[in-house]
Amino acid sequence: MIALSRGGFVGVGFGEGHEKNLFLPQPFSDFILASLGEEHGFAGLLVVFVLLVIVLWRGFRIALRARDQYGFLLAAA
């Protein structure tokens, strides 16, 4: 919560986050969202989520256009 609130809307800058050095136990694994939120702010997190939605949407479209069930399951997984 501290890292996300410190980031604000545009963040503190790439590599300038302090919470990953002090309070976040593993900023490279479970707490990567907090690190991104501090360094890139709400705008950076919004970009990450939009890209994730685009990838999921494209995968779902590919799965729906599959010719057989194996292709559907392969694309959906």
PDB file of N, CA and C in Angstrom:
ATOM      1  N   MET A   1       0.824  -1.189   0.000  1.00  0.00           N
ATOM      2  CA  MET A   1       0.000   0.000   0.000  1.00  0.00           C
ATOM      3  C   MET A   1       0.869   1.253   0.000  1.00  0.00           C
ATOM      4  N   ILE A   2       1.952   1.206   0.733  1.00  0.00           N
ATOM      5  CA  ILE A   2       2.837   2.373   0.790  1.00  0.00           C
ATOM      6  C   ILE A   2       3.482   2.608  -0.569  1.00  0.00           C
ATOM      7  N   ALA A   3       3.929   1.524  -1.206  1.00  0.00           N
ATOM      8  CA  ALA A   3       4.589   1.660  -2.503  1.00  0.00           C
ATOM      9  C   ALA A   3       3.618   2.180  -3.553  1.00  0.00           C
ATOM     10  N   LEU A   4       2.405   1.675  -3.565  1.00  0.00           N
ATOM     11  CA  LEU A   4       1.421   2.129  -4.550  1.00  0.00           C
ATOM     12  C   LEU A   4       1.013   3.575  -4.311  1.00  0.00           C
ATOM     13  N   SER A   5       0.856   3.957  -3.053  1.00  0.00           N
ATOM     14  CA  SER A   5       0.480   5.340  -2.780  1.00  0.00           C
ATOM     15  C   SER A   5       1.633   6.300  -3.062  1.00  0.00           C
ATOM     16  N   ARG A   6       2.849   5.846  -2.869  1.00  0.00           N
ATOM     17  CA  ARG A   6       4.006   6.704  -3.137  1.00  0.00           C
ATOM     18  C   ARG A   6       4.179   6.951  -4.640  1.00  0.00           C
ATOM     19  N   GLY A   7       3.762   5.995  -5.458  1.00  0.00           N
ATOM     20  CA  GLY A   7       3.905   6.135  -6.900  1.00  0.00           C
ATOM     21  C   GLY A   7       3.014   7.192  -7.502  1.00  0.00           C
ATOM     22  N   GLY A   8       1.831   7.383  -6.940  1.00  0.00           N
ATOM     23  CA  GLY A   8       0.918   8.389  -7.464  1.00  0.00           C
ATOM     24  C   GLY A   8       0.412   8.039  -8.850  1.00  0.00           C
ATOM     25  N   PHE A   9       0.211   9.053  -9.687  1.00  0.00           N
ATOM     26  CA  PHE A   9      -0.332   8.809 -11.024  1.00  0.00           C
ATOM     27  C   PHE A   9       0.748   8.458 -12.041  1.00  0.00           C
ATOM     28  N   VAL A  10       1.900   9.109 -11.993  1.00  0.00           N
ATOM     29  CA  VAL A  10       2.947   8.866 -12.991  1.00  0.00           C
ATOM     30  C   VAL A  10       4.172   8.172 -12.425  1.00  0.00           C
ATOM     31  N   GLY A  11       4.251   7.955 -11.136  1.00  0.00           N
ATOM     32  CA  GLY A  11       5.365   7.218 -10.550  1.00  0.00           C
ATOM     33  C   GLY A  11       6.560   8.087 -10.220  1.00  0.00           C
ATOM     34  N   VAL A  12       7.538   7.450  -9.588  1.00  0.00           N
ATOM     35  CA  VAL A  12       8.744   8.172  -9.187  1.00  0.00           C
ATOM     36  C   VAL A  12       9.872   8.023 -10.191  1.00  0.00           C
ATOM     37  N   GLY A  13       9.718   7.155 -11.170  1.00  0.00           N
ATOM     38  CA  GLY A  13      10.734   6.975 -12.198  1.00  0.00           C
ATOM     39  C   GLY A  13      11.302   5.571 -12.181  1.00  0.00           C
ATOM     40  N   PHE A  14      11.789   5.138 -13.330  1.00  0.00           N
ATOM     41  CA  PHE A  14      12.317   3.788 -13.483  1.00  0.00           C
ATOM     42  C   PHE A  14      13.568   3.610 -12.616  1.00  0.00           C
ATOM     43  N   GLY A  15      13.524   2.610 -11.732  1.00  0.00           N
ATOM     44  CA  GLY A  15      14.649   2.324 -10.857  1.00  0.00           C
ATOM     45  C   GLY A  15      14.762   3.228  -9.647  1.00  0.00           C
ATOM     46  N   GLU A  16      13.829   4.144  -9.463  1.00  0.00           N
ATOM     47  CA  GLU A  16      13.899   5.104  -8.359  1.00  0.00           C
ATOM     48  C   GLU A  16      13.050   4.705  -7.161  1.00  0.00           C
ATOM     49  N   GLY A  17      12.406   3.548  -7.203  1.00  0.00           N
ATOM     50  CA  GLY A  17      11.565   3.130  -6.092  1.00  0.00           C
ATOM     51  C   GLY A  17      12.386   2.712  -4.885  1.00  0.00           C
ATOM     52  N   HIS A  18      11.978   3.154  -3.706  1.00  0.00           N
ATOM     53  CA  HIS A  18      12.713   2.849  -2.478  1.00  0.00           C
ATOM     54  C   HIS A  18      12.097   1.704  -1.697  1.00  0.00           C
ATOM     55  N   GLU A  19      10.833   1.433  -1.899  1.00  0.00           N
ATOM     56  CA  GLU A  19      10.149   0.413  -1.114  1.00  0.00           C
ATOM     57  C   GLU A  19      10.690  -0.983  -1.403  1.00  0.00           C
ATOM     58  N   LYS A  20      11.179  -1.232  -2.600  1.00  0.00           N
ATOM     59  CA  LYS A  20      11.710  -2.564  -2.919  1.00  0.00           C
ATOM     60  C   LYS A  20      13.004  -2.857  -2.158  1.00  0.00           C
ATOM     61  N   ASN A  21      13.704  -1.813  -1.746  1.00  0.00           N
ATOM     62  CA  ASN A  21      14.936  -2.000  -0.984  1.00  0.00           C
ATOM     63  C   ASN A  21      14.696  -2.122   0.516  1.00  0.00           C
ATOM     64  N   LEU A  22      13.571  -1.615   0.984  1.00  0.00           N
ATOM     65  CA  LEU A  22      13.351  -1.553   2.421  1.00  0.00           C
ATOM     66  C   LEU A  22      12.231  -2.464   2.913  1.00  0.00           C
ATOM     67  N   PHE A  23      11.052  -2.397   2.285  1.00  0.00           N
ATOM     68  CA  PHE A  23       9.881  -3.028   2.875  1.00  0.00           C
ATOM     69  C   PHE A  23       9.360  -4.248   2.122  1.00  0.00           C
ATOM     70  N   LEU A  24       9.542  -4.327   0.828  1.00  0.00           N
ATOM     71  CA  LEU A  24       9.012  -5.457   0.072  1.00  0.00           C
ATOM     72  C   LEU A  24       9.979  -6.630   0.162  1.00  0.00           C
ATOM     73  N   PRO A  25       9.540  -7.777   0.690  1.00  0.00           N
ATOM     74  CA  PRO A  25      10.452  -8.894   0.902  1.00  0.00           C
ATOM     75  C   PRO A  25      11.007  -9.479  -0.397  1.00  0.00           C
ATOM     76  N   GLN A  26      10.175  -9.623  -1.415  1.00  0.00           N
ATOM     77  CA  GLN A  26      10.629 -10.182  -2.688  1.00  0.00           C
ATOM     78  C   GLN A  26      10.033  -9.361  -3.829  1.00  0.00           C
ATOM     79  N   PRO A  27      10.638  -8.241  -4.193  1.00  0.00           N
ATOM     80  CA  PRO A  27      10.046  -7.361  -5.198  1.00  0.00           C
ATOM     81  C   PRO A  27      10.078  -7.934  -6.609  1.00  0.00           C
ATOM     82  N   PHE A  28      10.783  -9.031  -6.816  1.00  0.00           N
ATOM     83  CA  PHE A  28      10.892  -9.618  -8.149  1.00  0.00           C
ATOM     84  C   PHE A  28       9.880 -10.729  -8.365  1.00  0.00           C
ATOM     85  N   SER A  29       9.094 -11.088  -7.369  1.00  0.00           N
ATOM     86  CA  SER A  29       8.143 -12.183  -7.543  1.00  0.00           C
ATOM     87  C   SER A  29       6.726 -11.726  -7.221  1.00  0.00           C
ATOM     88  N   ASP A  30       6.267 -11.965  -6.030  1.00  0.00           N
ATOM     89  CA  ASP A  30       4.881 -11.670  -5.677  1.00  0.00           C
ATOM     90  C   ASP A  30       4.589 -10.181  -5.600  1.00  0.00           C
ATOM     91  N   PHE A  31       5.563  -9.395  -5.306  1.00  0.00           N
ATOM     92  CA  PHE A  31       5.351  -7.972  -5.065  1.00  0.00           C
ATOM     93  C   PHE A  31       5.729  -7.118  -6.276  1.00  0.00           C
ATOM     94  N   ILE A  32       5.756  -7.727  -7.460  1.00  0.00           N
ATOM     95  CA  ILE A  32       6.164  -6.977  -8.645  1.00  0.00           C
ATOM     96  C   ILE A  32       5.154  -5.885  -8.988  1.00  0.00           C
ATOM     97  N   LEU A  33       3.875  -6.111  -8.687  1.00  0.00           N
ATOM     98  CA  LEU A  33       2.870  -5.092  -8.947  1.00  0.00           C
ATOM     99  C   LEU A  33       3.106  -3.852  -8.091  1.00  0.00           C
ATOM    100  N   ALA A  34       3.502  -4.053  -6.852  1.00  0.00           N
ATOM    101  CA  ALA A  34       3.799  -2.911  -5.985  1.00  0.00           C
ATOM    102  C   ALA A  34       5.026  -2.154  -6.487  1.00  0.00           C
ATOM    103  N   SER A  35       6.037  -2.879  -6.942  1.00  0.00           N
ATOM    104  CA  SER A  35       7.238  -2.218  -7.468  1.00  0.00           C
ATOM    105  C   SER A  35       6.913  -1.434  -8.734  1.00  0.00           C
ATOM    106  N   LEU A  36       6.131  -2.032  -9.639  1.00  0.00           N
ATOM    107  CA  LEU A  36       5.733  -1.322 -10.860  1.00  0.00           C
ATOM    108  C   LEU A  36       4.865  -0.118 -10.533  1.00  0.00           C
ATOM    109  N   GLY A  37       3.984  -0.273  -9.556  1.00  0.00           N
ATOM    110  CA  GLY A  37       3.124   0.837  -9.172  1.00  0.00           C
ATOM    111  C   GLY A  37       3.891   2.004  -8.581  1.00  0.00           C
ATOM    112  N   GLU A  38       4.934   1.701  -7.833  1.00  0.00           N
ATOM    113  CA  GLU A  38       5.730   2.788  -7.259  1.00  0.00           C
ATOM    114  C   GLU A  38       6.566   3.483  -8.325  1.00  0.00           C
ATOM    115  N   GLU A  39       7.181   2.720  -9.191  1.00  0.00           N
ATOM    116  CA  GLU A  39       8.089   3.313 -10.173  1.00  0.00           C
ATOM    117  C   GLU A  39       7.368   3.937 -11.362  1.00  0.00           C
ATOM    118  N   HIS A  40       6.241   3.358 -11.784  1.00  0.00           N
ATOM    119  CA  HIS A  40       5.554   3.852 -12.982  1.00  0.00           C
ATOM    120  C   HIS A  40       4.188   4.443 -12.695  1.00  0.00           C
ATOM    121  N   GLY A  41       3.722   4.325 -11.466  1.00  0.00           N
ATOM    122  CA  GLY A  41       2.472   4.944 -11.060  1.00  0.00           C
ATOM    123  C   GLY A  41       1.250   4.235 -11.608  1.00  0.00           C
ATOM    124  N   PHE A  42       0.115   4.889 -11.427  1.00  0.00           N
ATOM    125  CA  PHE A  42      -1.155   4.336 -11.878  1.00  0.00           C
ATOM    126  C   PHE A  42      -1.185   4.199 -13.389  1.00  0.00           C
ATOM    127  N   ALA A  43      -0.591   5.143 -14.092  1.00  0.00           N
ATOM    128  CA  ALA A  43      -0.579   5.097 -15.552  1.00  0.00           C
ATOM    129  C   ALA A  43       0.188   3.868 -16.042  1.00  0.00           C
ATOM    130  N   GLY A  44       1.299   3.540 -15.421  1.00  0.00           N
ATOM    131  CA  GLY A  44       2.065   2.362 -15.807  1.00  0.00           C
ATOM    132  C   GLY A  44       1.318   1.075 -15.529  1.00  0.00           C
ATOM    133  N   LEU A  45       0.641   1.009 -14.381  1.00  0.00           N
ATOM    134  CA  LEU A  45      -0.158  -0.172 -14.062  1.00  0.00           C
ATOM    135  C   LEU A  45      -1.323  -0.315 -15.026  1.00  0.00           C
ATOM    136  N   LEU A  46      -1.900   0.797 -15.413  1.00  0.00           N
ATOM    137  CA  LEU A  46      -2.995   0.757 -16.378  1.00  0.00           C
ATOM    138  C   LEU A  46      -2.519   0.207 -17.714  1.00  0.00           C
ATOM    139  N   VAL A  47      -1.335   0.599 -18.146  1.00  0.00           N
ATOM    140  CA  VAL A  47      -0.758   0.064 -19.395  1.00  0.00           C
ATOM    141  C   VAL A  47      -0.533  -1.437 -19.283  1.00  0.00           C
ATOM    142  N   VAL A  48      -0.016  -1.895 -18.154  1.00  0.00           N
ATOM    143  CA  VAL A  48       0.223  -3.328 -17.945  1.00  0.00           C
ATOM    144  C   VAL A  48      -1.087  -4.100 -18.010  1.00  0.00           C
ATOM    145  N   PHE A  49      -2.132  -3.598 -17.353  1.00  0.00           N
ATOM    146  CA  PHE A  49      -3.410  -4.292 -17.359  1.00  0.00           C
ATOM    147  C   PHE A  49      -4.063  -4.273 -18.732  1.00  0.00           C
ATOM    148  N   VAL A  50      -3.937  -3.181 -19.471  1.00  0.00           N
ATOM    149  CA  VAL A  50      -4.487  -3.124 -20.829  1.00  0.00           C
ATOM    150  C   VAL A  50      -3.779  -4.123 -21.729  1.00  0.00           C
ATOM    151  N   LEU A  51      -2.465  -4.229 -21.617  1.00  0.00           N
ATOM    152  CA  LEU A  51      -1.735  -5.213 -22.414  1.00  0.00           C
ATOM    153  C   LEU A  51      -2.138  -6.644 -22.057  1.00  0.00           C
ATOM    154  N   LEU A  52      -2.368  -6.901 -20.779  1.00  0.00           N
ATOM    155  CA  LEU A  52      -2.822  -8.216 -20.349  1.00  0.00           C
ATOM    156  C   LEU A  52      -4.195  -8.544 -20.914  1.00  0.00           C
ATOM    157  N   VAL A  53      -5.091  -7.579 -20.907  1.00  0.00           N
ATOM    158  CA  VAL A  53      -6.428  -7.793 -21.460  1.00  0.00           C
ATOM    159  C   VAL A  53      -6.343  -8.037 -22.961  1.00  0.00           C
ATOM    160  N   ILE A  54      -5.478  -7.336 -23.660  1.00  0.00           N
ATOM    161  CA  ILE A  54      -5.317  -7.541 -25.105  1.00  0.00           C
ATOM    162  C   ILE A  54      -4.815  -8.950 -25.391  1.00  0.00           C
ATOM    163  N   VAL A  55      -3.841  -9.415 -24.632  1.00  0.00           N
ATOM    164  CA  VAL A  55      -3.311 -10.770 -24.840  1.00  0.00           C
ATOM    165  C   VAL A  55      -4.396 -11.814 -24.566  1.00  0.00           C
ATOM    166  N   LEU A  56      -5.144 -11.635 -23.486  1.00  0.00           N
ATOM    167  CA  LEU A  56      -6.221 -12.578 -23.181  1.00  0.00           C
ATOM    168  C   LEU A  56      -7.318 -12.550 -24.238  1.00  0.00           C
ATOM    169  N   TRP A  57      -7.665 -11.367 -24.707  1.00  0.00           N
ATOM    170  CA  TRP A  57      -8.692 -11.234 -25.739  1.00  0.00           C
ATOM    171  C   TRP A  57      -8.267 -11.903 -27.038  1.00  0.00           C
ATOM    172  N   ARG A  58      -7.014 -11.688 -27.418  1.00  0.00           N
ATOM    173  CA  ARG A  58      -6.506 -12.320 -28.653  1.00  0.00           C
ATOM    174  C   ARG A  58      -6.477 -13.843 -28.525  1.00  0.00           C
ATOM    175  N   GLY A  59      -6.056 -14.333 -27.364  1.00  0.00           N
ATOM    176  CA  GLY A  59      -6.044 -15.776 -27.145  1.00  0.00           C
ATOM    177  C   GLY A  59      -7.433 -16.371 -27.183  1.00  0.00           C
ATOM    178  N   PHE A  60      -8.402 -15.670 -26.620  1.00  0.00           N
ATOM    179  CA  PHE A  60      -9.778 -16.144 -26.645  1.00  0.00           C
ATOM    180  C   PHE A  60     -10.325 -16.161 -28.063  1.00  0.00           C
ATOM    181  N   ARG A  61     -10.006 -15.144 -28.857  1.00  0.00           N
ATOM    182  CA  ARG A  61     -10.449 -15.119 -30.262  1.00  0.00           C
ATOM    183  C   ARG A  61      -9.836 -16.263 -31.044  1.00  0.00           C
ATOM    184  N   ILE A  62      -8.564 -16.532 -30.814  1.00  0.00           N
ATOM    185  CA  ILE A  62      -7.907 -17.645 -31.494  1.00  0.00           C
ATOM    186  C   ILE A  62      -8.542 -18.964 -31.078  1.00  0.00           C
ATOM    187  N   ALA A  63      -8.858 -19.107 -29.805  1.00  0.00           N
ATOM    188  CA  ALA A  63      -9.483 -20.335 -29.316  1.00  0.00           C
ATOM    189  C   ALA A  63     -10.858 -20.540 -29.947  1.00  0.00           C
ATOM    190  N   LEU A  64     -11.625 -19.478 -30.100  1.00  0.00           N
ATOM    191  CA  LEU A  64     -12.949 -19.610 -30.692  1.00  0.00           C
ATOM    192  C   LEU A  64     -12.892 -19.950 -32.177  1.00  0.00           C
ATOM    193  N   ARG A  65     -11.833 -19.580 -32.850  1.00  0.00           N
ATOM    194  CA  ARG A  65     -11.703 -19.868 -34.284  1.00  0.00           C
ATOM    195  C   ARG A  65     -10.981 -21.179 -34.573  1.00  0.00           C
ATOM    196  N   ALA A  66     -10.659 -21.935 -33.526  1.00  0.00           N
ATOM    197  CA  ALA A  66      -9.953 -23.207 -33.717  1.00  0.00           C
ATOM    198  C   ALA A  66     -10.857 -24.207 -34.450  1.00  0.00           C
ATOM    199  N   ARG A  67     -10.247 -25.058 -35.234  1.00  0.00           N
ATOM    200  CA  ARG A  67     -11.007 -26.017 -36.045  1.00  0.00           C
ATOM    201  C   ARG A  67     -11.457 -27.231 -35.246  1.00  0.00           C
ATOM    202  N   ASP A  68     -10.735 -27.591 -34.220  1.00  0.00           N
ATOM    203  CA  ASP A  68     -11.099 -28.769 -33.435  1.00  0.00           C
ATOM    204  C   ASP A  68     -10.950 -28.467 -31.946  1.00  0.00           C
ATOM    205  N   GLN A  69     -11.360 -29.438 -31.133  1.00  0.00           N
ATOM    206  CA  GLN A  69     -11.336 -29.234 -29.694  1.00  0.00           C
ATOM    207  C   GLN A  69      -9.907 -29.147 -29.167  1.00  0.00           C
ATOM    208  N   TYR A  70      -8.987 -29.891 -29.765  1.00  0.00           N
ATOM    209  CA  TYR A  70      -7.596 -29.833 -29.335  1.00  0.00           C
ATOM    210  C   TYR A  70      -7.028 -28.424 -29.546  1.00  0.00           C
ATOM    211  N   GLY A  71      -7.291 -27.830 -30.682  1.00  0.00           N
ATOM    212  CA  GLY A  71      -6.833 -26.477 -30.955  1.00  0.00           C
ATOM    213  C   GLY A  71      -7.459 -25.462 -30.010  1.00  0.00           C
ATOM    214  N   PHE A  72      -8.743 -25.669 -29.690  1.00  0.00           N
ATOM    215  CA  PHE A  72      -9.412 -24.783 -28.739  1.00  0.00           C
ATOM    216  C   PHE A  72      -8.766 -24.843 -27.382  1.00  0.00           C
ATOM    217  N   LEU A  73      -8.528 -26.075 -26.886  1.00  0.00           N
ATOM    218  CA  LEU A  73      -7.929 -26.236 -25.574  1.00  0.00           C
ATOM    219  C   LEU A  73      -6.480 -25.743 -25.542  1.00  0.00           C
ATOM    220  N   LEU A  74      -5.773 -25.939 -26.647  1.00  0.00           N
ATOM    221  CA  LEU A  74      -4.389 -25.476 -26.720  1.00  0.00           C
ATOM    222  C   LEU A  74      -4.318 -23.954 -26.673  1.00  0.00           C
ATOM    223  N   ALA A  75      -5.202 -23.292 -27.396  1.00  0.00           N
ATOM    224  CA  ALA A  75      -5.193 -21.827 -27.411  1.00  0.00           C
ATOM    225  C   ALA A  75      -5.747 -21.247 -26.121  1.00  0.00           C
ATOM    226  N   ALA A  76      -6.685 -21.937 -25.494  1.00  0.00           N
ATOM    227  CA  ALA A  76      -7.298 -21.418 -24.276  1.00  0.00           C
ATOM    228  C   ALA A  76      -6.402 -21.588 -23.063  1.00  0.00           C
ATOM    229  N   ALA A  77      -5.464 -22.503 -23.118  1.00  0.00           N
ATOM    230  CA  ALA A  77      -4.608 -22.772 -21.943  1.00  0.00           C
ATOM    231  C   ALA A  77      -3.499 -21.837 -21.820  1.00  0.00           C
TER     232      ALA A  77
END
